[in-house]
């Protein structure tokens, strides 16, 4: 066996670290791709579900709306706006029905 110089050891270490970092970056991109597809599937499923449920909801007159209905509507709007992200915060400033 030949003796290795310090330069050979440094070259092997640098190439090894570069290969490791390339593998880790590829793995991270793969994970993000899977997560992106999962989020798109959730959005498509939520859209299909909301379209199906909106057909069954009876329309309410302004007289029939009470405080509980307004609170439920605000909570549902906040849930849909949150999109499974816990780091956001919201503040309700006005409750208004949009047709």
N, C-alpha and C. Protein backbone atom coordinates (compact mmCIF):
# COMPACT_ATOMS: atom_id res chain seq x y z
N UNK A 1 0.83 -1.18 0.00
CA UNK A 1 0.00 0.00 0.00
C UNK A 1 0.87 1.24 0.00
N UNK A 2 0.35 2.20 -0.67
CA UNK A 2 1.06 3.47 -0.69
C UNK A 2 0.69 4.28 0.54
N UNK A 3 1.50 5.23 0.85
CA UNK A 3 1.14 6.13 1.94
C UNK A 3 0.35 7.29 1.35
N UNK A 4 -0.62 7.73 2.09
CA UNK A 4 -1.48 8.83 1.64
C UNK A 4 -0.95 10.14 2.20
N UNK A 5 -1.00 11.15 1.37
CA UNK A 5 -0.59 12.46 1.84
C UNK A 5 -1.81 13.17 2.45
N UNK A 6 -1.55 14.24 3.14
CA UNK A 6 -2.64 15.02 3.74
C UNK A 6 -3.55 15.61 2.66
N UNK A 7 -2.99 15.93 1.52
CA UNK A 7 -3.78 16.47 0.42
C UNK A 7 -4.76 15.41 -0.10
N UNK A 8 -4.36 14.17 -0.19
CA UNK A 8 -5.25 13.10 -0.62
C UNK A 8 -6.42 12.93 0.36
N UNK A 9 -6.12 13.01 1.64
CA UNK A 9 -7.15 12.87 2.67
C UNK A 9 -8.15 14.02 2.58
N UNK A 10 -7.66 15.23 2.38
CA UNK A 10 -8.54 16.40 2.26
C UNK A 10 -9.41 16.27 1.03
N UNK A 11 -8.88 15.83 -0.09
CA UNK A 11 -9.65 15.68 -1.32
C UNK A 11 -10.76 14.64 -1.12
N UNK A 12 -10.43 13.51 -0.53
CA UNK A 12 -11.43 12.47 -0.30
C UNK A 12 -12.52 12.99 0.65
N UNK A 13 -12.14 13.72 1.70
CA UNK A 13 -13.12 14.26 2.65
C UNK A 13 -14.04 15.28 1.97
N UNK A 14 -13.48 16.17 1.17
CA UNK A 14 -14.28 17.19 0.50
C UNK A 14 -15.24 16.54 -0.50
N UNK A 15 -14.77 15.58 -1.28
CA UNK A 15 -15.63 14.90 -2.23
C UNK A 15 -16.73 14.14 -1.49
N UNK A 16 -16.38 13.51 -0.38
CA UNK A 16 -17.38 12.80 0.42
C UNK A 16 -18.45 13.73 0.95
N UNK A 17 -18.05 14.89 1.47
CA UNK A 17 -19.02 15.85 1.97
C UNK A 17 -19.90 16.40 0.85
N UNK A 18 -19.31 16.64 -0.33
CA UNK A 18 -20.10 17.12 -1.45
C UNK A 18 -21.15 16.09 -1.87
N UNK A 19 -20.77 14.83 -1.92
CA UNK A 19 -21.72 13.78 -2.26
C UNK A 19 -22.82 13.72 -1.20
N UNK A 20 -22.45 13.81 0.07
CA UNK A 20 -23.44 13.79 1.15
C UNK A 20 -24.42 14.95 1.02
N UNK A 21 -23.91 16.16 0.77
CA UNK A 21 -24.79 17.32 0.66
C UNK A 21 -25.71 17.21 -0.56
N UNK A 22 -25.21 16.69 -1.66
CA UNK A 22 -26.05 16.51 -2.85
C UNK A 22 -27.16 15.51 -2.56
N UNK A 23 -26.83 14.44 -1.86
CA UNK A 23 -27.86 13.46 -1.49
C UNK A 23 -28.90 14.06 -0.55
N UNK A 24 -28.46 14.84 0.42
CA UNK A 24 -29.40 15.46 1.36
C UNK A 24 -30.29 16.48 0.66
N UNK A 25 -29.73 17.25 -0.26
CA UNK A 25 -30.54 18.23 -1.01
C UNK A 25 -31.56 17.50 -1.88
N UNK A 26 -31.15 16.42 -2.53
CA UNK A 26 -32.08 15.64 -3.34
C UNK A 26 -33.19 15.04 -2.50
N UNK A 27 -32.85 14.54 -1.33
CA UNK A 27 -33.85 13.98 -0.42
C UNK A 27 -34.85 15.05 0.01
N UNK A 28 -34.36 16.26 0.33
CA UNK A 28 -35.24 17.35 0.75
C UNK A 28 -36.17 17.76 -0.39
N UNK A 29 -35.65 17.83 -1.62
CA UNK A 29 -36.50 18.16 -2.76
C UNK A 29 -37.57 17.09 -2.99
N UNK A 30 -37.20 15.83 -2.80
CA UNK A 30 -38.15 14.74 -2.94
C UNK A 30 -39.25 14.84 -1.90
N UNK A 31 -38.89 15.16 -0.64
CA UNK A 31 -39.89 15.32 0.42
C UNK A 31 -40.83 16.48 0.14
N UNK A 32 -40.28 17.59 -0.35
CA UNK A 32 -41.12 18.74 -0.67
C UNK A 32 -42.05 18.44 -1.82
N UNK A 33 -41.61 17.67 -2.79
CA UNK A 33 -42.46 17.28 -3.91
C UNK A 33 -43.62 16.43 -3.42
N UNK A 34 -43.33 15.48 -2.53
CA UNK A 34 -44.40 14.64 -1.98
C UNK A 34 -45.38 15.49 -1.17
N UNK A 35 -44.86 16.42 -0.38
CA UNK A 35 -45.73 17.29 0.43
C UNK A 35 -46.57 18.19 -0.47
N UNK A 36 -46.01 18.69 -1.55
CA UNK A 36 -46.75 19.55 -2.47
C UNK A 36 -47.89 18.77 -3.12
N UNK A 37 -47.61 17.54 -3.53
CA UNK A 37 -48.67 16.72 -4.11
C UNK A 37 -49.75 16.41 -3.10
N UNK A 38 -49.36 16.18 -1.86
CA UNK A 38 -50.33 15.90 -0.81
C UNK A 38 -51.21 17.11 -0.56
N UNK A 39 -50.61 18.31 -0.54
CA UNK A 39 -51.40 19.53 -0.33
C UNK A 39 -52.34 19.79 -1.49
N UNK A 40 -51.89 19.51 -2.73
CA UNK A 40 -52.77 19.69 -3.88
C UNK A 40 -53.94 18.73 -3.82
N UNK A 41 -53.68 17.50 -3.38
CA UNK A 41 -54.76 16.52 -3.24
C UNK A 41 -55.75 16.98 -2.19
N UNK A 42 -55.27 17.54 -1.07
CA UNK A 42 -56.16 18.03 -0.02
C UNK A 42 -57.02 19.18 -0.55
N UNK A 43 -56.40 20.10 -1.29
CA UNK A 43 -57.14 21.25 -1.82
C UNK A 43 -58.20 20.77 -2.80
N UNK A 44 -57.85 19.83 -3.67
CA UNK A 44 -58.83 19.31 -4.62
C UNK A 44 -59.97 18.60 -3.90
N UNK A 45 -59.63 17.84 -2.88
CA UNK A 45 -60.65 17.12 -2.12
C UNK A 45 -61.55 18.11 -1.37
N UNK A 46 -60.96 19.15 -0.78
CA UNK A 46 -61.76 20.16 -0.06
C UNK A 46 -62.67 20.89 -1.03
N UNK A 47 -62.17 21.20 -2.22
CA UNK A 47 -62.98 21.91 -3.21
C UNK A 47 -64.15 21.05 -3.64
N UNK A 48 -63.90 19.76 -3.90
CA UNK A 48 -64.98 18.87 -4.29
C UNK A 48 -66.00 18.74 -3.17
N UNK A 49 -65.52 18.64 -1.94
CA UNK A 49 -66.42 18.50 -0.80
C UNK A 49 -67.25 19.76 -0.61
N UNK A 50 -66.61 20.94 -0.72
CA UNK A 50 -67.37 22.17 -0.52
C UNK A 50 -68.38 22.39 -1.64
N UNK A 51 -68.04 21.99 -2.86
CA UNK A 51 -69.00 22.13 -3.97
C UNK A 51 -70.18 21.22 -3.73
N UNK A 52 -69.94 20.00 -3.26
CA UNK A 52 -71.03 19.08 -3.01
C UNK A 52 -71.89 19.54 -1.84
N UNK A 53 -71.28 20.07 -0.80
CA UNK A 53 -72.07 20.48 0.36
C UNK A 53 -72.80 21.79 0.11
N UNK A 54 -72.27 22.66 -0.74
CA UNK A 54 -72.93 23.93 -1.02
C UNK A 54 -74.25 23.73 -1.74
N UNK A 55 -74.40 22.65 -2.47
CA UNK A 55 -75.65 22.38 -3.18
C UNK A 55 -76.77 22.04 -2.20
N UNK A 56 -76.41 21.44 -1.07
CA UNK A 56 -77.40 20.98 -0.11
C UNK A 56 -77.78 22.02 0.93
N UNK A 57 -77.07 23.13 0.99
CA UNK A 57 -77.32 24.14 2.02
C UNK A 57 -78.49 25.02 1.60
N UNK A 58 -79.51 25.10 2.42
CA UNK A 58 -80.62 26.00 2.08
C UNK A 58 -80.20 27.45 2.31
N UNK A 59 -80.76 28.34 1.51
CA UNK A 59 -80.43 29.76 1.68
C UNK A 59 -81.26 30.32 2.83
N UNK A 60 -80.65 31.22 3.56
CA UNK A 60 -81.31 31.83 4.70
C UNK A 60 -81.64 33.28 4.38
N UNK A 61 -82.78 33.71 4.80
CA UNK A 61 -83.11 35.12 4.68
C UNK A 61 -82.38 35.87 5.79
N UNK A 62 -82.27 37.20 5.64
CA UNK A 62 -81.62 38.00 6.66
C UNK A 62 -82.37 37.93 7.98
N UNK A 63 -83.67 37.71 7.93
CA UNK A 63 -84.47 37.63 9.15
C UNK A 63 -84.16 36.35 9.93
N UNK A 64 -83.83 35.28 9.21
CA UNK A 64 -83.61 34.00 9.85
C UNK A 64 -82.22 33.86 10.48
N UNK A 65 -81.29 34.73 10.10
CA UNK A 65 -79.95 34.64 10.66
C UNK A 65 -79.96 35.09 12.10
N UNK A 66 -79.33 34.32 12.93
CA UNK A 66 -79.19 34.71 14.32
C UNK A 66 -77.71 34.75 14.68
N UNK A 67 -77.41 35.04 15.89
CA UNK A 67 -76.03 35.19 16.34
C UNK A 67 -75.24 33.90 16.22
N UNK A 68 -75.88 32.79 16.51
CA UNK A 68 -75.19 31.50 16.43
C UNK A 68 -74.78 31.17 15.00
N UNK A 69 -75.63 31.48 14.05
CA UNK A 69 -75.31 31.24 12.64
C UNK A 69 -74.13 32.09 12.21
N UNK A 70 -74.08 33.34 12.67
CA UNK A 70 -72.96 34.21 12.33
C UNK A 70 -71.65 33.68 12.92
N UNK A 71 -71.69 33.21 14.14
CA UNK A 71 -70.49 32.69 14.78
C UNK A 71 -70.00 31.45 14.05
N UNK A 72 -70.91 30.56 13.67
CA UNK A 72 -70.54 29.36 12.94
C UNK A 72 -69.94 29.72 11.59
N UNK A 73 -70.50 30.70 10.92
CA UNK A 73 -69.97 31.12 9.62
C UNK A 73 -68.57 31.70 9.76
N UNK A 74 -68.34 32.48 10.80
CA UNK A 74 -67.02 33.06 11.02
C UNK A 74 -66.01 31.97 11.33
N UNK A 75 -66.38 31.00 12.16
CA UNK A 75 -65.47 29.91 12.49
C UNK A 75 -65.13 29.07 11.25
N UNK A 76 -66.11 28.80 10.42
CA UNK A 76 -65.85 28.03 9.21
C UNK A 76 -64.94 28.81 8.25
N UNK A 77 -65.15 30.11 8.14
CA UNK A 77 -64.28 30.93 7.29
C UNK A 77 -62.85 30.93 7.81
N UNK A 78 -62.69 30.99 9.14
CA UNK A 78 -61.34 30.95 9.71
C UNK A 78 -60.68 29.60 9.49
N UNK A 79 -61.44 28.53 9.61
CA UNK A 79 -60.89 27.19 9.38
C UNK A 79 -60.42 27.05 7.94
N UNK A 80 -61.23 27.51 6.99
CA UNK A 80 -60.84 27.42 5.59
C UNK A 80 -59.68 28.33 5.26
N UNK A 81 -59.60 29.49 5.91
CA UNK A 81 -58.50 30.41 5.64
C UNK A 81 -57.19 29.92 6.26
N UNK A 82 -57.27 29.12 7.30
CA UNK A 82 -56.08 28.66 8.00
C UNK A 82 -55.26 27.68 7.18
N UNK A 83 -55.89 26.81 6.42
CA UNK A 83 -55.23 25.84 5.55
C UNK A 83 -54.20 25.00 6.29
N UNK A 84 -54.53 24.49 7.44
CA UNK A 84 -53.67 23.60 8.23
C UNK A 84 -52.34 24.23 8.63
N UNK A 85 -52.30 25.53 8.79
CA UNK A 85 -51.09 26.20 9.26
C UNK A 85 -51.40 26.82 10.62
N UNK A 86 -50.66 26.38 11.62
CA UNK A 86 -50.92 26.82 12.99
C UNK A 86 -50.19 28.12 13.34
N UNK A 87 -49.29 28.59 12.48
CA UNK A 87 -48.50 29.77 12.80
C UNK A 87 -49.17 31.08 12.42
N UNK A 88 -50.38 31.02 11.95
CA UNK A 88 -51.09 32.24 11.57
C UNK A 88 -52.08 32.64 12.66
N UNK A 89 -52.41 33.92 12.71
CA UNK A 89 -53.44 34.39 13.64
C UNK A 89 -54.36 35.33 12.88
N UNK A 90 -55.62 35.33 13.28
CA UNK A 90 -56.63 36.12 12.59
C UNK A 90 -57.43 36.91 13.62
N UNK A 91 -58.01 38.01 13.16
CA UNK A 91 -58.87 38.82 14.00
C UNK A 91 -60.10 39.19 13.18
N UNK A 92 -61.28 38.91 13.72
CA UNK A 92 -62.52 39.22 13.02
C UNK A 92 -62.84 40.69 13.27
N UNK A 93 -62.96 41.46 12.20
CA UNK A 93 -63.25 42.89 12.34
C UNK A 93 -64.69 43.22 11.97
N UNK A 94 -65.25 42.44 11.00
CA UNK A 94 -66.60 42.73 10.56
C UNK A 94 -67.24 41.45 10.05
N UNK A 95 -68.49 41.24 10.40
CA UNK A 95 -69.23 40.10 9.88
C UNK A 95 -70.22 40.62 8.87
N UNK A 96 -70.02 40.17 7.62
CA UNK A 96 -70.84 40.68 6.53
C UNK A 96 -71.14 39.52 5.59
N UNK A 97 -72.36 39.41 5.16
CA UNK A 97 -72.74 38.36 4.22
C UNK A 97 -72.53 38.85 2.80
N UNK A 98 -71.81 38.04 2.03
CA UNK A 98 -71.53 38.37 0.64
C UNK A 98 -72.27 37.39 -0.23
N UNK A 99 -73.03 37.90 -1.16
CA UNK A 99 -73.82 37.01 -2.04
C UNK A 99 -73.22 36.93 -3.40
